[in-house]
Amino acid sequence: MTDLKLSVEELELLASYENEEWQSAKNMQEEKAKYQSYARATLRKDKRINIRISEKDLRDLQKRAIHEGIPYQTLVSSILHKYVTGALVEE
């Protein structure tokens, strides 16, 4: 057997999986279509904006993007898209 070294994040994911904390998506086709729509909207970049935000908010956005596994500008674009389409809702 190979001596496999896992990162802290990988170890956390493995523990979460082994503790049966993961759930399958209820409607995989619907979920897939939703995220494909988000990706298409995010990738269609034909306009540029510049905004000023606090350093803390930018840091928090970057941390959240890392957690989601996407660039922070893609996350911001996705959030804006969800807001203007009414898909962004409070939990």
N, C-alpha and C. Protein backbone atom coordinates (compact mmCIF):
# COMPACT_ATOMS: atom_id res chain seq x y z
N MET A 1 0.84 -1.18 0.00
CA MET A 1 0.00 0.00 0.00
C MET A 1 0.88 1.24 0.00
N THR A 2 0.48 2.27 -0.72
CA THR A 2 1.22 3.51 -0.81
C THR A 2 1.00 4.35 0.45
N ASP A 3 2.05 5.03 0.88
CA ASP A 3 1.92 5.92 2.04
C ASP A 3 1.29 7.22 1.56
N LEU A 4 -0.03 7.32 1.67
CA LEU A 4 -0.80 8.45 1.17
C LEU A 4 -0.88 9.55 2.22
N LYS A 5 -0.48 10.76 1.84
CA LYS A 5 -0.56 11.89 2.77
C LYS A 5 -1.69 12.79 2.32
N LEU A 6 -2.65 13.01 3.22
CA LEU A 6 -3.79 13.85 2.91
C LEU A 6 -3.65 15.21 3.59
N SER A 7 -4.16 16.24 2.92
CA SER A 7 -4.17 17.57 3.52
C SER A 7 -5.22 17.61 4.63
N VAL A 8 -5.20 18.67 5.40
CA VAL A 8 -6.18 18.83 6.47
C VAL A 8 -7.58 18.85 5.88
N GLU A 9 -7.75 19.58 4.79
CA GLU A 9 -9.08 19.64 4.15
C GLU A 9 -9.52 18.27 3.66
N GLU A 10 -8.61 17.51 3.06
CA GLU A 10 -8.95 16.17 2.60
C GLU A 10 -9.32 15.25 3.76
N LEU A 11 -8.61 15.38 4.87
CA LEU A 11 -8.93 14.58 6.05
C LEU A 11 -10.31 14.93 6.60
N GLU A 12 -10.65 16.22 6.59
CA GLU A 12 -11.97 16.65 7.05
C GLU A 12 -13.07 16.09 6.14
N LEU A 13 -12.84 16.14 4.83
CA LEU A 13 -13.81 15.58 3.88
C LEU A 13 -13.98 14.08 4.09
N LEU A 14 -12.87 13.40 4.27
CA LEU A 14 -12.92 11.95 4.48
C LEU A 14 -13.69 11.61 5.76
N ALA A 15 -13.42 12.34 6.83
CA ALA A 15 -14.12 12.10 8.10
C ALA A 15 -15.61 12.38 7.94
N SER A 16 -15.95 13.44 7.23
CA SER A 16 -17.35 13.79 7.00
C SER A 16 -18.05 12.68 6.22
N TYR A 17 -17.38 12.16 5.20
CA TYR A 17 -17.94 11.08 4.40
C TYR A 17 -18.12 9.81 5.24
N GLU A 18 -17.11 9.49 6.00
CA GLU A 18 -17.17 8.28 6.82
C GLU A 18 -18.21 8.38 7.93
N ASN A 19 -18.53 9.60 8.36
CA ASN A 19 -19.58 9.81 9.37
C ASN A 19 -20.97 9.89 8.74
N GLU A 20 -21.03 9.58 7.45
CA GLU A 20 -22.29 9.57 6.69
C GLU A 20 -23.05 10.88 6.76
N GLU A 21 -22.28 11.99 6.66
CA GLU A 21 -22.88 13.32 6.69
C GLU A 21 -23.28 13.80 5.29
N TRP A 22 -22.93 13.08 4.28
CA TRP A 22 -23.23 13.49 2.90
C TRP A 22 -24.58 12.95 2.49
N GLN A 23 -25.27 13.72 1.65
CA GLN A 23 -26.56 13.30 1.13
C GLN A 23 -26.57 13.46 -0.38
N SER A 24 -27.20 12.53 -1.06
CA SER A 24 -27.34 12.62 -2.51
C SER A 24 -28.34 13.71 -2.84
N ALA A 25 -28.13 14.36 -3.98
CA ALA A 25 -29.09 15.36 -4.46
C ALA A 25 -30.40 14.65 -4.76
N LYS A 26 -31.50 15.28 -4.39
CA LYS A 26 -32.81 14.66 -4.59
C LYS A 26 -33.15 14.52 -6.07
N ASN A 27 -32.88 15.54 -6.86
CA ASN A 27 -33.16 15.50 -8.28
C ASN A 27 -31.90 15.91 -9.02
N MET A 28 -31.08 14.93 -9.35
CA MET A 28 -29.77 15.19 -9.93
C MET A 28 -29.84 15.99 -11.23
N GLN A 29 -30.78 15.66 -12.10
CA GLN A 29 -30.89 16.37 -13.38
C GLN A 29 -31.22 17.85 -13.15
N GLU A 30 -32.12 18.11 -12.22
CA GLU A 30 -32.51 19.49 -11.91
C GLU A 30 -31.33 20.27 -11.32
N GLU A 31 -30.63 19.64 -10.40
CA GLU A 31 -29.45 20.27 -9.79
C GLU A 31 -28.38 20.55 -10.83
N LYS A 32 -28.15 19.58 -11.69
CA LYS A 32 -27.15 19.73 -12.74
C LYS A 32 -27.51 20.89 -13.67
N ALA A 33 -28.78 20.97 -14.07
CA ALA A 33 -29.24 22.05 -14.96
C ALA A 33 -29.08 23.40 -14.28
N LYS A 34 -29.38 23.47 -12.99
CA LYS A 34 -29.27 24.73 -12.25
C LYS A 34 -27.83 25.22 -12.25
N TYR A 35 -26.89 24.33 -11.94
CA TYR A 35 -25.50 24.75 -11.87
C TYR A 35 -24.90 25.00 -13.25
N GLN A 36 -25.39 24.31 -14.27
CA GLN A 36 -24.96 24.62 -15.63
C GLN A 36 -25.40 26.02 -16.02
N SER A 37 -26.61 26.38 -15.62
CA SER A 37 -27.13 27.72 -15.89
C SER A 37 -26.27 28.77 -15.20
N TYR A 38 -25.90 28.53 -13.94
CA TYR A 38 -25.04 29.46 -13.22
C TYR A 38 -23.69 29.59 -13.93
N ALA A 39 -23.14 28.47 -14.36
CA ALA A 39 -21.83 28.50 -15.03
C ALA A 39 -21.90 29.27 -16.34
N ARG A 40 -22.94 29.02 -17.13
CA ARG A 40 -23.09 29.74 -18.40
C ARG A 40 -23.20 31.24 -18.16
N ALA A 41 -24.01 31.63 -17.20
CA ALA A 41 -24.19 33.05 -16.90
C ALA A 41 -22.89 33.67 -16.40
N THR A 42 -22.15 32.91 -15.62
CA THR A 42 -20.90 33.42 -15.07
C THR A 42 -19.83 33.54 -16.14
N LEU A 43 -19.81 32.60 -17.06
CA LEU A 43 -18.78 32.60 -18.10
C LEU A 43 -19.05 33.62 -19.20
N ARG A 44 -20.28 34.07 -19.34
CA ARG A 44 -20.63 35.04 -20.36
C ARG A 44 -20.27 36.43 -19.82
N LYS A 45 -19.06 36.82 -20.07
CA LYS A 45 -18.54 38.07 -19.50
C LYS A 45 -18.35 39.09 -20.61
N ASP A 46 -19.36 39.92 -20.80
CA ASP A 46 -19.24 40.90 -21.86
C ASP A 46 -19.21 42.34 -21.35
N LYS A 47 -19.30 42.52 -20.03
CA LYS A 47 -19.21 43.85 -19.43
C LYS A 47 -18.32 43.78 -18.19
N ARG A 48 -17.72 44.90 -17.88
CA ARG A 48 -16.83 44.98 -16.72
C ARG A 48 -17.37 46.04 -15.76
N ILE A 49 -17.27 45.76 -14.45
CA ILE A 49 -17.61 46.76 -13.45
C ILE A 49 -16.47 46.86 -12.45
N ASN A 50 -16.36 48.00 -11.81
CA ASN A 50 -15.40 48.19 -10.73
C ASN A 50 -16.19 48.64 -9.51
N ILE A 51 -15.93 48.02 -8.38
CA ILE A 51 -16.61 48.41 -7.15
C ILE A 51 -15.59 48.54 -6.04
N ARG A 52 -15.94 49.30 -5.05
CA ARG A 52 -15.10 49.42 -3.86
C ARG A 52 -15.85 48.74 -2.71
N ILE A 53 -15.15 47.83 -2.05
CA ILE A 53 -15.72 47.17 -0.87
C ILE A 53 -14.65 47.16 0.22
N SER A 54 -15.08 46.88 1.42
CA SER A 54 -14.13 46.87 2.53
C SER A 54 -13.15 45.71 2.36
N GLU A 55 -11.99 45.89 2.94
CA GLU A 55 -10.97 44.84 2.88
C GLU A 55 -11.47 43.56 3.53
N LYS A 56 -12.21 43.71 4.65
CA LYS A 56 -12.75 42.54 5.34
C LYS A 56 -13.73 41.78 4.46
N ASP A 57 -14.63 42.50 3.77
CA ASP A 57 -15.59 41.84 2.89
C ASP A 57 -14.87 41.11 1.76
N LEU A 58 -13.85 41.73 1.19
CA LEU A 58 -13.09 41.08 0.13
C LEU A 58 -12.41 39.82 0.65
N ARG A 59 -11.81 39.91 1.82
CA ARG A 59 -11.16 38.73 2.43
C ARG A 59 -12.17 37.61 2.65
N ASP A 60 -13.35 37.99 3.17
CA ASP A 60 -14.39 36.99 3.42
C ASP A 60 -14.89 36.37 2.11
N LEU A 61 -15.02 37.18 1.06
CA LEU A 61 -15.41 36.64 -0.24
C LEU A 61 -14.36 35.66 -0.76
N GLN A 62 -13.10 36.02 -0.60
CA GLN A 62 -12.02 35.15 -1.08
C GLN A 62 -12.00 33.84 -0.30
N LYS A 63 -12.23 33.91 1.01
CA LYS A 63 -12.28 32.68 1.81
C LYS A 63 -13.45 31.80 1.38
N ARG A 64 -14.60 32.43 1.15
CA ARG A 64 -15.79 31.67 0.74
C ARG A 64 -15.56 31.02 -0.62
N ALA A 65 -14.91 31.77 -1.53
CA ALA A 65 -14.62 31.24 -2.86
C ALA A 65 -13.68 30.04 -2.77
N ILE A 66 -12.69 30.11 -1.91
CA ILE A 66 -11.77 28.99 -1.72
C ILE A 66 -12.56 27.78 -1.21
N HIS A 67 -13.45 28.03 -0.26
CA HIS A 67 -14.28 26.96 0.28
C HIS A 67 -15.15 26.33 -0.81
N GLU A 68 -15.65 27.16 -1.73
CA GLU A 68 -16.49 26.67 -2.84
C GLU A 68 -15.65 26.08 -3.97
N GLY A 69 -14.36 26.38 -3.97
CA GLY A 69 -13.48 25.85 -5.01
C GLY A 69 -13.55 26.62 -6.32
N ILE A 70 -13.87 27.92 -6.23
CA ILE A 70 -13.96 28.75 -7.44
C ILE A 70 -13.24 30.07 -7.21
N PRO A 71 -12.85 30.77 -8.28
CA PRO A 71 -12.25 32.10 -8.12
C PRO A 71 -13.25 33.07 -7.48
N TYR A 72 -12.74 34.01 -6.68
CA TYR A 72 -13.66 34.90 -5.96
C TYR A 72 -14.46 35.79 -6.90
N GLN A 73 -13.89 36.19 -8.04
CA GLN A 73 -14.65 37.02 -8.98
C GLN A 73 -15.80 36.22 -9.59
N THR A 74 -15.60 34.93 -9.79
CA THR A 74 -16.68 34.07 -10.27
C THR A 74 -17.77 33.97 -9.22
N LEU A 75 -17.38 33.87 -7.95
CA LEU A 75 -18.36 33.83 -6.87
C LEU A 75 -19.18 35.12 -6.83
N VAL A 76 -18.52 36.27 -6.94
CA VAL A 76 -19.22 37.55 -6.92
C VAL A 76 -20.19 37.63 -8.09
N SER A 77 -19.74 37.23 -9.26
CA SER A 77 -20.59 37.24 -10.45
C SER A 77 -21.80 36.34 -10.26
N SER A 78 -21.58 35.17 -9.67
CA SER A 78 -22.67 34.22 -9.43
C SER A 78 -23.68 34.78 -8.43
N ILE A 79 -23.18 35.42 -7.38
CA ILE A 79 -24.07 36.02 -6.38
C ILE A 79 -24.92 37.11 -7.02
N LEU A 80 -24.30 37.96 -7.82
CA LEU A 80 -25.05 39.03 -8.49
C LEU A 80 -26.09 38.45 -9.44
N HIS A 81 -25.71 37.41 -10.18
CA HIS A 81 -26.65 36.78 -11.11
C HIS A 81 -27.84 36.20 -10.35
N LYS A 82 -27.56 35.49 -9.27
CA LYS A 82 -28.65 34.91 -8.47
C LYS A 82 -29.56 36.01 -7.91
N TYR A 83 -28.99 37.12 -7.48
CA TYR A 83 -29.79 38.21 -6.92
C TYR A 83 -30.73 38.80 -7.97
N VAL A 84 -30.18 39.13 -9.14
CA VAL A 84 -31.02 39.79 -10.15
C VAL A 84 -32.05 38.85 -10.77
N THR A 85 -31.83 37.55 -10.69
CA THR A 85 -32.81 36.60 -11.22
C THR A 85 -33.79 36.12 -10.14
N GLY A 86 -33.62 36.60 -8.91
CA GLY A 86 -34.51 36.20 -7.82
C GLY A 86 -34.18 34.85 -7.21
N ALA A 87 -33.05 34.28 -7.58
CA ALA A 87 -32.68 32.97 -7.06
C ALA A 87 -31.92 33.05 -5.74
N LEU A 88 -31.49 34.24 -5.36
CA LEU A 88 -30.77 34.40 -4.09
C LEU A 88 -31.79 34.65 -2.99
N VAL A 89 -31.87 33.70 -2.07
CA VAL A 89 -32.83 33.80 -0.98
C VAL A 89 -32.13 33.59 0.34
N GLU A 90 -32.65 34.22 1.39
CA GLU A 90 -32.09 34.03 2.72
C GLU A 90 -32.51 32.69 3.28
N GLU A 91 -31.64 32.09 4.05
CA GLU A 91 -31.97 30.80 4.67
C GLU A 91 -32.70 31.01 5.96
